[in-house]
């Protein structure tokens, strides 16, 4: 039986996300190719409700108002947004955007 190689994705968390997760580095593994949207959902389910709220805007159900997401140092907005494919050993960085109020 053939086994597909898992895709290991390295994620760096900065600012409030780092504080809420209690770590600045996370590695996730996926059996198949994966897009940023799936990684965001997996990450949100891996930590507290506070972490999820900080990561994903609850009204829009979208992380982009709350965080800048870089894939290998390139902002995903100039790629395919949340549908950007992430490959084995790629690096994602989540940078919280502070909101004034």
N, C-alpha and C. Protein backbone atom coordinates (compact mmCIF):
# COMPACT_ATOMS: atom_id res chain seq x y z
N UNK A 1 0.84 -1.18 0.00
CA UNK A 1 0.00 0.00 0.00
C UNK A 1 0.89 1.25 0.00
N UNK A 2 0.58 2.17 -0.88
CA UNK A 2 1.35 3.40 -0.97
C UNK A 2 0.81 4.42 0.01
N UNK A 3 1.72 5.13 0.67
CA UNK A 3 1.33 6.19 1.60
C UNK A 3 1.73 7.51 1.00
N UNK A 4 0.79 8.44 0.97
CA UNK A 4 1.12 9.78 0.50
C UNK A 4 1.91 10.50 1.57
N UNK A 5 2.87 11.25 1.15
CA UNK A 5 3.68 12.02 2.08
C UNK A 5 2.84 13.17 2.63
N UNK A 6 2.91 13.36 3.92
CA UNK A 6 2.17 14.45 4.54
C UNK A 6 2.81 15.78 4.19
N UNK A 7 1.98 16.79 4.09
CA UNK A 7 2.46 18.15 3.87
C UNK A 7 2.64 18.79 5.24
N UNK A 8 3.85 19.15 5.58
CA UNK A 8 4.11 19.81 6.85
C UNK A 8 4.20 21.31 6.61
N UNK A 9 3.35 22.04 7.31
CA UNK A 9 3.28 23.50 7.16
C UNK A 9 3.75 24.14 8.46
N UNK A 10 4.70 25.05 8.35
CA UNK A 10 5.21 25.76 9.52
C UNK A 10 4.52 27.11 9.62
N UNK A 11 4.04 27.43 10.81
CA UNK A 11 3.27 28.65 11.03
C UNK A 11 3.90 29.45 12.15
N UNK A 12 4.10 30.73 11.89
CA UNK A 12 4.62 31.65 12.93
C UNK A 12 3.47 32.56 13.35
N UNK A 13 3.27 32.67 14.65
CA UNK A 13 2.23 33.52 15.22
C UNK A 13 2.89 34.71 15.90
N UNK A 14 2.40 35.90 15.62
CA UNK A 14 2.96 37.11 16.21
C UNK A 14 1.92 37.81 17.07
N UNK A 15 2.38 38.73 17.92
CA UNK A 15 1.50 39.58 18.71
C UNK A 15 0.53 38.83 19.59
N UNK A 16 -0.74 39.27 19.55
CA UNK A 16 -1.77 38.71 20.41
C UNK A 16 -2.02 37.23 20.10
N UNK A 17 -1.82 36.81 18.86
CA UNK A 17 -2.01 35.40 18.52
C UNK A 17 -0.98 34.53 19.24
N UNK A 18 0.24 35.02 19.30
CA UNK A 18 1.31 34.32 20.03
C UNK A 18 0.95 34.20 21.51
N UNK A 19 0.46 35.31 22.09
CA UNK A 19 0.09 35.31 23.50
C UNK A 19 -1.06 34.34 23.78
N UNK A 20 -2.09 34.36 22.93
CA UNK A 20 -3.26 33.51 23.15
C UNK A 20 -2.96 32.03 22.92
N UNK A 21 -2.06 31.75 21.99
CA UNK A 21 -1.70 30.36 21.71
C UNK A 21 -0.67 29.84 22.72
N UNK A 22 0.06 30.75 23.34
CA UNK A 22 1.10 30.34 24.28
C UNK A 22 2.35 29.84 23.58
N UNK A 23 2.45 30.11 22.29
CA UNK A 23 3.63 29.72 21.52
C UNK A 23 3.70 30.57 20.25
N UNK A 24 4.89 30.68 19.70
CA UNK A 24 5.03 31.47 18.48
C UNK A 24 5.21 30.62 17.22
N UNK A 25 5.35 29.32 17.40
CA UNK A 25 5.53 28.41 16.26
C UNK A 25 4.55 27.25 16.36
N UNK A 26 3.93 26.92 15.25
CA UNK A 26 3.03 25.78 15.17
C UNK A 26 3.34 25.05 13.87
N UNK A 27 3.32 23.74 13.91
CA UNK A 27 3.46 22.94 12.69
C UNK A 27 2.20 22.11 12.54
N UNK A 28 1.62 22.15 11.36
CA UNK A 28 0.46 21.33 11.05
C UNK A 28 0.80 20.40 9.91
N UNK A 29 0.19 19.22 9.92
CA UNK A 29 0.41 18.27 8.83
C UNK A 29 -0.92 17.94 8.18
N UNK A 30 -0.91 17.89 6.85
CA UNK A 30 -2.07 17.55 6.07
C UNK A 30 -1.69 16.44 5.11
N UNK A 31 -2.60 15.51 4.87
CA UNK A 31 -2.32 14.39 3.97
C UNK A 31 -2.33 14.79 2.51
N UNK A 32 -3.12 15.79 2.16
CA UNK A 32 -3.25 16.22 0.77
C UNK A 32 -2.88 17.68 0.65
N UNK A 33 -2.89 18.19 -0.57
CA UNK A 33 -2.61 19.61 -0.74
C UNK A 33 -3.68 20.40 0.01
N UNK A 34 -3.32 21.57 0.42
CA UNK A 34 -4.19 22.35 1.30
C UNK A 34 -4.10 23.82 0.90
N UNK A 35 -5.19 24.55 1.14
CA UNK A 35 -5.20 25.99 0.88
C UNK A 35 -5.21 26.74 2.21
N UNK A 36 -4.87 28.02 2.15
CA UNK A 36 -4.76 28.84 3.36
C UNK A 36 -6.04 28.77 4.20
N UNK A 37 -7.21 28.81 3.55
CA UNK A 37 -8.49 28.77 4.25
C UNK A 37 -8.57 27.58 5.21
N UNK A 38 -8.15 26.39 4.74
CA UNK A 38 -8.19 25.19 5.58
C UNK A 38 -7.22 25.28 6.75
N UNK A 39 -6.09 25.88 6.52
CA UNK A 39 -5.11 26.04 7.59
C UNK A 39 -5.64 26.99 8.66
N UNK A 40 -6.27 28.07 8.24
CA UNK A 40 -6.86 29.02 9.18
C UNK A 40 -7.90 28.33 10.05
N UNK A 41 -8.77 27.53 9.43
CA UNK A 41 -9.82 26.83 10.19
C UNK A 41 -9.22 25.81 11.15
N UNK A 42 -8.21 25.09 10.69
CA UNK A 42 -7.53 24.11 11.55
C UNK A 42 -6.87 24.81 12.74
N UNK A 43 -6.21 25.92 12.47
CA UNK A 43 -5.55 26.68 13.50
C UNK A 43 -6.57 27.22 14.51
N UNK A 44 -7.69 27.74 14.01
CA UNK A 44 -8.73 28.28 14.89
C UNK A 44 -9.28 27.21 15.82
N UNK A 45 -9.40 25.99 15.33
CA UNK A 45 -9.92 24.89 16.14
C UNK A 45 -8.88 24.31 17.10
N UNK A 46 -7.62 24.68 16.92
CA UNK A 46 -6.55 24.13 17.74
C UNK A 46 -6.35 24.85 19.07
N UNK A 47 -6.90 26.05 19.19
CA UNK A 47 -6.67 26.85 20.38
C UNK A 47 -8.00 27.33 20.97
N UNK A 48 -7.94 28.26 21.89
CA UNK A 48 -9.12 28.74 22.62
C UNK A 48 -10.09 29.53 21.75
N UNK A 49 -11.27 29.75 22.29
CA UNK A 49 -12.27 30.59 21.61
C UNK A 49 -11.73 32.02 21.45
N UNK A 50 -10.96 32.49 22.43
CA UNK A 50 -10.36 33.83 22.34
C UNK A 50 -9.39 33.90 21.15
N UNK A 51 -8.62 32.83 20.96
CA UNK A 51 -7.69 32.78 19.84
C UNK A 51 -8.47 32.85 18.53
N UNK A 52 -9.54 32.06 18.45
CA UNK A 52 -10.36 32.02 17.23
C UNK A 52 -10.94 33.40 16.93
N UNK A 53 -11.41 34.10 17.97
CA UNK A 53 -11.97 35.45 17.79
C UNK A 53 -10.91 36.43 17.31
N UNK A 54 -9.69 36.28 17.82
CA UNK A 54 -8.60 37.16 17.40
C UNK A 54 -8.18 36.87 15.97
N UNK A 55 -8.32 35.62 15.56
CA UNK A 55 -7.89 35.20 14.22
C UNK A 55 -8.94 35.48 13.16
N UNK A 56 -10.19 35.13 13.44
CA UNK A 56 -11.24 35.21 12.43
C UNK A 56 -12.29 36.24 12.83
N UNK A 57 -12.53 37.22 11.96
CA UNK A 57 -13.56 38.21 12.22
C UNK A 57 -14.92 37.50 12.28
N UNK A 58 -15.63 37.58 13.44
CA UNK A 58 -16.87 36.82 13.60
C UNK A 58 -18.01 37.28 12.68
N UNK A 59 -18.05 38.55 12.34
CA UNK A 59 -19.13 39.05 11.47
C UNK A 59 -18.92 38.63 10.03
N UNK A 60 -17.68 38.67 9.57
CA UNK A 60 -17.39 38.33 8.17
C UNK A 60 -16.98 36.88 8.00
N UNK A 61 -16.68 36.20 9.11
CA UNK A 61 -16.18 34.82 9.08
C UNK A 61 -14.96 34.73 8.17
N UNK A 62 -14.06 35.70 8.33
CA UNK A 62 -12.90 35.83 7.47
C UNK A 62 -11.73 36.34 8.33
N UNK A 63 -10.53 35.78 8.16
CA UNK A 63 -9.40 36.25 8.97
C UNK A 63 -8.79 37.56 8.49
N UNK A 64 -9.05 37.93 7.25
CA UNK A 64 -8.30 39.04 6.67
C UNK A 64 -8.50 40.40 7.32
N UNK A 65 -9.66 40.72 7.93
CA UNK A 65 -9.71 42.00 8.64
C UNK A 65 -8.83 42.02 9.90
N UNK A 66 -8.54 40.84 10.45
CA UNK A 66 -7.82 40.74 11.72
C UNK A 66 -6.33 40.50 11.57
N UNK A 67 -5.92 39.82 10.51
CA UNK A 67 -4.51 39.45 10.37
C UNK A 67 -4.04 39.59 8.93
N UNK A 68 -2.76 39.91 8.82
CA UNK A 68 -2.07 39.79 7.53
C UNK A 68 -1.50 38.38 7.50
N UNK A 69 -1.65 37.70 6.38
CA UNK A 69 -1.13 36.35 6.26
C UNK A 69 -0.08 36.34 5.16
N UNK A 70 1.12 35.97 5.54
CA UNK A 70 2.22 35.90 4.59
C UNK A 70 2.55 34.44 4.30
N UNK A 71 2.70 34.10 3.03
CA UNK A 71 3.15 32.77 2.63
C UNK A 71 4.53 32.95 2.02
N UNK A 72 5.52 32.40 2.69
CA UNK A 72 6.91 32.54 2.23
C UNK A 72 7.24 34.00 1.94
N UNK A 73 6.87 34.88 2.88
CA UNK A 73 7.15 36.32 2.87
C UNK A 73 6.32 37.12 1.86
N UNK A 74 5.30 36.50 1.24
CA UNK A 74 4.43 37.20 0.30
C UNK A 74 3.02 37.23 0.86
N UNK A 75 2.42 38.43 0.90
CA UNK A 75 1.06 38.57 1.42
C UNK A 75 0.10 37.82 0.50
N UNK A 76 -0.82 37.04 1.09
CA UNK A 76 -1.67 36.17 0.27
C UNK A 76 -2.63 36.95 -0.63
N UNK A 77 -2.85 38.23 -0.33
CA UNK A 77 -3.71 39.06 -1.18
C UNK A 77 -3.19 39.22 -2.59
N UNK A 78 -1.88 39.14 -2.77
CA UNK A 78 -1.31 39.24 -4.12
C UNK A 78 -1.18 37.86 -4.77
N UNK A 79 -1.55 36.83 -4.03
CA UNK A 79 -1.56 35.46 -4.56
C UNK A 79 -3.02 35.12 -4.86
N UNK A 80 -3.52 34.03 -4.33
CA UNK A 80 -4.92 33.65 -4.55
C UNK A 80 -5.74 33.80 -3.28
N UNK A 81 -5.34 34.72 -2.39
CA UNK A 81 -6.08 34.95 -1.16
C UNK A 81 -6.19 33.68 -0.32
N UNK A 82 -7.37 33.44 0.24
CA UNK A 82 -7.56 32.26 1.08
C UNK A 82 -7.52 30.96 0.29
N UNK A 83 -7.59 31.06 -1.03
CA UNK A 83 -7.52 29.87 -1.88
C UNK A 83 -6.09 29.57 -2.35
N UNK A 84 -5.11 30.28 -1.80
CA UNK A 84 -3.71 30.05 -2.14
C UNK A 84 -3.29 28.66 -1.66
N UNK A 85 -2.73 27.88 -2.56
CA UNK A 85 -2.28 26.54 -2.19
C UNK A 85 -0.98 26.63 -1.40
N UNK A 86 -0.91 25.85 -0.36
CA UNK A 86 0.28 25.80 0.49
C UNK A 86 0.93 24.45 0.29
N UNK A 87 2.23 24.48 0.05
CA UNK A 87 2.96 23.25 -0.25
C UNK A 87 3.80 22.79 0.94
N UNK A 88 4.28 21.58 0.84
CA UNK A 88 5.10 20.98 1.89
C UNK A 88 6.27 21.89 2.25
N UNK A 89 6.44 22.13 3.53
CA UNK A 89 7.51 22.95 4.11
C UNK A 89 7.39 24.44 3.82
N UNK A 90 6.23 24.88 3.33
CA UNK A 90 6.00 26.32 3.20
C UNK A 90 5.89 26.93 4.59
N UNK A 91 6.08 28.24 4.65
CA UNK A 91 6.00 28.95 5.93
C UNK A 91 4.93 30.02 5.84
N UNK A 92 4.00 29.97 6.80
CA UNK A 92 2.98 30.99 6.92
C UNK A 92 3.27 31.84 8.15
N UNK A 93 3.05 33.13 8.04
CA UNK A 93 3.20 34.04 9.18
C UNK A 93 1.87 34.79 9.33
N UNK A 94 1.34 34.76 10.56
CA UNK A 94 0.10 35.47 10.87
C UNK A 94 0.44 36.69 11.70
N UNK A 95 0.17 37.88 11.16
CA UNK A 95 0.49 39.14 11.82
C UNK A 95 -0.80 39.86 12.17
N UNK A 96 -1.13 39.98 13.46
CA UNK A 96 -2.37 40.68 13.84
C UNK A 96 -2.33 42.14 13.41
N UNK A 97 -3.49 42.61 12.98
CA UNK A 97 -3.65 44.02 12.62
C UNK A 97 -4.36 44.66 13.79
N UNK A 98 -3.76 45.71 14.36
CA UNK A 98 -4.40 46.34 15.52
C UNK A 98 -5.49 47.29 15.02
N UNK A 99 -6.61 47.27 15.73
CA UNK A 99 -7.73 48.14 15.40
C UNK A 99 -7.83 49.22 16.46
N UNK A 100 -7.92 50.45 16.01
CA UNK A 100 -8.10 51.55 16.97
C UNK A 100 -9.55 51.62 17.42
N UNK A 101 -9.79 52.27 18.54
CA UNK A 101 -11.16 52.36 18.97
C UNK A 101 -11.35 53.30 20.12
